[in-house]
Amino acid sequence: MSNDNSEAKKDMEVPFPTEAELLAAGYAPILSDEDLLARGFVPIDFKNMPAVENMTTELGHPFPQHHEIIKAGYIPISRRERRIQSRPRVGQMYWVDFPHDAYVPEFVNEHPGIVIRAANSLHDTCIILPVTSAQQKAGTHFHQLSKNPNPKGHAEGRTAYVVCDHLYTVHVNRLRAVLSLKGFPVFPKVEPHDMVAIFGIVEKVLALASASSHTAAIAAAAAATAAPTTPAKPLGPNTLTLKKK
């Protein structure tokens, strides 16, 4: 009889969604430690996390342990420790840790980036442009570098494109050094003539955005001026009006 009950219970269990269904619903799989290390992430440092063993919920229940929370599908908020010892300078390439829940066409996860505004200190932000090896569409705002600053990418013959209409302000902690072919941190710089071309495209992008905003503002002002001053509907009997003296 017990076997029959267990079989009936098994038949009544709701099947778990497929990975495609979970992705469509906005869920992402938790990567293994090996995958995270391979992508350049550092292990989570629980020294900087709240002492959950001393915490209770609003209902007075003790907090579960870290591994229990992770098993339930929650991961600690990611905060990187600073991994560079000198402030980023204009023209240097770094790996950039973009937000992991970004929306398309925003950049997500790790991508190389070129610094176009230096950080004033190791606790400051800098402005970067992302770099990708993906072929860019003609007519979009990008610049193909004459030489890939990433030693590994250059050795593999990968073309590097700077996406000039994606300006990101990022904290220095989001940056990590590019590695040489022997695995040592290096800080390669973009060729000067490439930087001149990049700044020219950025100025063009910002000018286009400014002109578009200016045109929209003029159109809105003109529409407001041309709008009728009389109400769209006749005034009702209880409407308060002010008579001219």
Protein backbone atom coordinates (compact mmCIF):
# COMPACT_ATOMS: atom_id res chain seq x y z
CA MET A 1 0.00 0.00 0.00
CA SER A 2 2.84 2.36 0.86
CA ASN A 3 4.45 1.69 -2.51
CA ASP A 4 1.21 2.61 -4.23
CA ASN A 5 1.05 5.89 -2.31
CA SER A 6 4.64 6.76 -3.16
CA GLU A 7 4.02 6.02 -6.84
CA ALA A 8 0.89 8.19 -6.83
CA LYS A 9 2.80 10.98 -5.10
CA LYS A 10 5.56 10.76 -7.71
CA ASP A 11 2.99 11.03 -10.51
CA MET A 12 1.52 14.15 -8.89
CA GLU A 13 4.86 15.99 -8.67
CA VAL A 14 5.10 19.07 -10.89
CA PRO A 15 7.90 18.70 -13.44
CA PHE A 16 10.74 21.22 -13.16
CA PRO A 17 10.94 23.79 -15.99
CA THR A 18 13.50 23.25 -18.73
CA GLU A 19 16.61 25.41 -18.90
CA ALA A 20 15.15 27.33 -21.86
CA GLU A 21 12.01 28.07 -19.87
CA LEU A 22 14.06 29.21 -16.89
CA LEU A 23 16.20 31.50 -19.06
CA ALA A 24 13.08 32.97 -20.66
CA ALA A 25 11.67 33.63 -17.19
CA GLY A 26 14.82 35.53 -16.19
CA TYR A 27 16.79 32.91 -14.27
CA ALA A 28 20.46 32.09 -14.84
CA PRO A 29 22.37 28.99 -13.74
CA ILE A 30 24.88 29.37 -10.93
CA LEU A 31 28.34 28.83 -12.40
CA SER A 32 30.77 26.45 -10.76
CA ASP A 33 33.91 27.77 -9.03
CA GLU A 34 35.99 26.40 -11.93
CA ASP A 35 33.90 28.28 -14.50
CA LEU A 36 34.12 31.51 -12.50
CA LEU A 37 37.90 31.25 -12.10
CA ALA A 38 38.28 30.50 -15.82
CA ARG A 39 36.40 33.72 -16.62
CA GLY A 40 38.64 35.75 -14.34
CA PHE A 41 36.34 36.15 -11.35
CA VAL A 42 37.67 35.98 -7.83
CA PRO A 43 36.08 33.76 -5.17
CA ILE A 44 33.54 35.44 -2.90
CA ASP A 45 35.18 36.70 0.27
CA PHE A 46 32.75 35.91 3.07
CA LYS A 47 34.79 38.02 5.51
CA ASN A 48 32.99 41.06 4.13
CA MET A 49 29.53 39.47 4.35
CA PRO A 50 27.12 39.88 7.29
CA ALA A 51 27.45 37.28 10.04
CA VAL A 52 24.22 35.50 9.16
CA GLU A 53 24.65 33.06 12.04
CA ASN A 54 23.84 35.97 14.36
CA MET A 55 20.91 37.23 12.29
CA THR A 56 17.21 36.44 12.59
CA THR A 57 14.29 37.05 10.28
CA GLU A 58 11.44 39.44 11.04
CA LEU A 59 9.49 36.44 12.36
CA GLY A 60 12.34 35.59 14.70
CA HIS A 61 13.63 32.54 12.85
CA PRO A 62 17.42 32.03 12.53
CA PHE A 63 18.98 32.74 9.16
CA PRO A 64 20.08 29.68 7.15
CA GLN A 65 23.78 29.13 6.57
CA HIS A 66 25.54 30.44 3.48
CA HIS A 67 25.52 27.11 1.63
CA GLU A 68 21.81 26.68 2.36
CA ILE A 69 21.02 30.13 0.97
CA ILE A 70 23.03 29.40 -2.18
CA LYS A 71 21.33 26.01 -2.56
CA ALA A 72 17.98 27.83 -2.43
CA GLY A 73 19.07 29.87 -5.47
CA TYR A 74 20.43 33.07 -3.93
CA ILE A 75 24.02 34.21 -4.29
CA PRO A 76 25.76 36.98 -2.33
CA ILE A 77 25.96 40.39 -3.95
CA SER A 78 29.20 40.52 -5.87
CA ARG A 79 31.78 43.02 -4.69
CA ARG A 80 35.29 42.77 -6.07
CA GLU A 81 38.38 43.62 -4.14
CA ARG A 82 40.69 45.99 -6.03
CA ARG A 83 43.11 44.04 -8.20
CA ILE A 84 45.29 46.79 -9.68
CA GLN A 85 47.92 48.86 -7.89
CA SER A 86 48.09 51.95 -10.11
CA ARG A 87 45.30 54.20 -11.30
CA PRO A 88 44.03 53.58 -14.85
CA ARG A 89 45.28 56.03 -17.47
CA VAL A 90 43.89 57.15 -20.81
CA GLY A 91 44.51 54.65 -23.60
CA GLN A 92 45.16 51.63 -21.36
CA MET A 93 43.28 48.38 -21.87
CA TYR A 94 41.80 46.42 -18.97
CA TRP A 95 39.35 43.60 -18.47
CA VAL A 96 36.10 45.18 -17.26
CA ASP A 97 33.55 43.40 -15.07
CA PHE A 98 30.26 44.67 -16.53
CA PRO A 99 26.97 44.07 -14.66
CA HIS A 100 25.85 40.47 -14.99
CA ASP A 101 22.14 41.31 -15.37
CA ALA A 102 22.52 43.93 -18.11
CA TYR A 103 19.97 44.32 -20.88
CA VAL A 104 20.76 43.86 -24.57
CA PRO A 105 22.52 45.71 -26.19
CA GLU A 106 24.40 46.63 -22.97
CA PHE A 107 27.65 44.78 -22.39
CA VAL A 108 27.50 42.00 -19.83
CA ASN A 109 30.08 39.93 -17.92
CA GLU A 110 33.76 40.50 -18.71
CA HIS A 111 34.99 42.33 -21.80
CA PRO A 112 38.14 44.30 -22.54
CA GLY A 113 37.78 48.05 -22.35
CA ILE A 114 39.79 51.14 -23.25
CA VAL A 115 40.10 53.97 -20.73
CA ILE A 116 39.10 57.33 -22.23
CA ARG A 117 38.97 59.26 -18.93
CA ALA A 118 41.54 58.43 -16.28
CA ALA A 119 40.75 57.74 -12.65
CA ASN A 120 42.05 60.33 -10.19
CA SER A 121 42.83 57.69 -7.57
CA LEU A 122 42.49 53.99 -6.81
CA HIS A 123 39.12 54.73 -5.21
CA ASP A 124 37.74 56.70 -8.15
CA THR A 125 35.81 55.93 -11.30
CA CYS A 126 36.99 56.10 -14.89
CA ILE A 127 35.18 56.16 -18.23
CA ILE A 128 35.79 53.25 -20.59
CA LEU A 129 34.72 52.07 -24.02
CA PRO A 130 34.19 48.32 -24.47
CA VAL A 131 36.26 46.34 -26.93
CA THR A 132 34.99 43.28 -28.77
CA SER A 133 36.21 40.90 -31.45
CA ALA A 134 32.68 40.53 -32.85
CA GLN A 135 32.30 41.94 -36.35
CA GLN A 136 30.56 45.33 -36.22
CA LYS A 137 27.86 46.49 -38.63
CA ALA A 138 28.71 49.15 -41.19
CA GLY A 139 27.31 52.53 -40.27
CA THR A 140 27.56 52.00 -36.51
CA HIS A 141 29.91 53.94 -34.26
CA PHE A 142 33.00 51.78 -33.86
CA HIS A 143 36.72 51.92 -34.58
CA GLN A 144 38.85 48.98 -35.67
CA LEU A 145 42.19 49.11 -33.87
CA SER A 146 45.31 48.83 -36.00
CA LYS A 147 46.73 46.43 -33.40
CA ASN A 148 44.98 44.37 -30.75
CA PRO A 149 46.48 45.54 -27.41
CA ASN A 150 45.61 42.22 -25.78
CA PRO A 151 48.74 40.04 -26.25
CA LYS A 152 46.69 36.84 -26.47
CA GLY A 153 44.20 38.35 -28.91
CA HIS A 154 47.04 39.75 -31.02
CA ALA A 155 48.82 36.38 -31.08
CA GLU A 156 45.60 34.68 -32.18
CA GLY A 157 45.05 37.25 -34.92
CA ARG A 158 41.80 38.60 -33.46
CA THR A 159 40.59 41.96 -34.72
CA ALA A 160 39.67 44.40 -31.93
CA TYR A 161 36.76 46.80 -32.36
CA VAL A 162 36.16 49.71 -29.97
CA VAL A 163 32.43 50.36 -29.55
CA CYS A 164 32.46 54.17 -29.36
CA ASP A 165 28.80 54.81 -28.53
CA HIS A 166 28.85 52.73 -25.32
CA LEU A 167 30.43 54.99 -22.69
CA TYR A 168 30.57 53.43 -19.22
CA THR A 169 31.56 55.01 -15.93
CA VAL A 170 33.00 52.20 -13.79
CA HIS A 171 34.74 51.95 -10.44
CA VAL A 172 38.40 50.96 -10.44
CA ASN A 173 37.44 47.74 -8.61
CA ARG A 174 35.73 46.53 -11.78
CA LEU A 175 39.06 46.44 -13.64
CA ARG A 176 41.69 43.75 -13.80
CA ALA A 177 44.92 43.70 -15.74
CA VAL A 178 45.34 42.08 -19.13
CA LEU A 179 47.74 39.11 -19.02
CA SER A 180 50.83 38.59 -21.13
CA LEU A 181 51.39 35.37 -23.05
CA LYS A 182 53.34 34.13 -20.00
CA GLY A 183 50.49 34.99 -17.65
CA PHE A 184 51.92 38.17 -16.11
CA PRO A 185 49.80 41.34 -15.64
CA VAL A 186 50.44 43.95 -18.32
CA PHE A 187 48.89 47.34 -19.08
CA PRO A 188 48.94 47.71 -22.87
CA LYS A 189 48.04 51.03 -24.50
CA VAL A 190 46.23 51.75 -27.72
CA GLU A 191 48.28 53.32 -30.51
CA PRO A 192 48.13 57.17 -30.47
CA HIS A 193 46.58 57.45 -33.94
CA ASP A 194 43.87 54.99 -32.89
CA MET A 195 43.08 57.12 -29.82
CA VAL A 196 42.74 60.21 -32.04
CA ALA A 197 40.24 58.33 -34.23
CA ILE A 198 38.34 57.02 -31.18
CA PHE A 199 37.95 60.48 -29.64
CA GLY A 200 36.78 61.82 -33.00
CA ILE A 201 34.00 59.22 -33.16
CA VAL A 202 33.02 59.83 -29.52
CA GLU A 203 32.75 63.56 -30.19
CA LYS A 204 30.58 62.80 -33.22
CA VAL A 205 28.33 60.50 -31.14
CA LEU A 206 27.91 63.10 -28.41
CA ALA A 207 27.28 65.88 -30.96
CA LEU A 208 24.59 63.77 -32.63
CA ALA A 209 22.96 63.10 -29.27
CA SER A 210 23.14 66.78 -28.35
CA ALA A 211 21.70 67.86 -31.70
CA SER A 212 18.89 65.31 -31.39
CA SER A 213 18.00 66.55 -27.90
CA HIS A 214 18.14 70.17 -29.09
CA THR A 215 15.82 69.40 -32.02
CA ALA A 216 13.40 67.56 -29.75
CA ALA A 217 13.36 70.47 -27.30
CA ILE A 218 12.63 72.97 -30.08
CA ALA A 219 9.83 70.77 -31.43
CA ALA A 220 8.30 70.41 -27.95
CA ALA A 221 8.45 74.17 -27.39
CA ALA A 222 6.86 74.83 -30.78
CA ALA A 223 4.08 72.34 -30.06
CA ALA A 224 3.41 73.95 -26.70
CA THR A 225 3.24 77.40 -28.30
CA ALA A 226 0.87 76.24 -31.02
CA ALA A 227 -1.45 74.43 -28.60
CA PRO A 228 -4.90 76.05 -28.26
CA THR A 229 -5.45 77.98 -25.06
CA THR A 230 -9.19 77.23 -24.95
CA PRO A 231 -10.33 74.03 -23.21
CA ALA A 232 -11.07 71.01 -25.37
CA LYS A 233 -14.54 70.64 -23.80
CA PRO A 234 -17.06 73.34 -22.92
CA LEU A 235 -16.97 74.36 -19.27
CA GLY A 236 -19.53 72.71 -17.05
CA PRO A 237 -21.97 74.59 -14.83
CA ASN A 238 -19.87 73.96 -11.70
CA THR A 239 -16.56 75.12 -13.22
CA LEU A 240 -14.90 78.01 -11.42
CA THR A 241 -13.98 80.82 -13.82
CA LEU A 242 -12.36 84.18 -13.25
CA LYS A 243 -13.91 87.15 -15.01
CA LYS A 244 -11.73 89.90 -16.32
CA LYS A 245 -12.30 93.25 -14.64
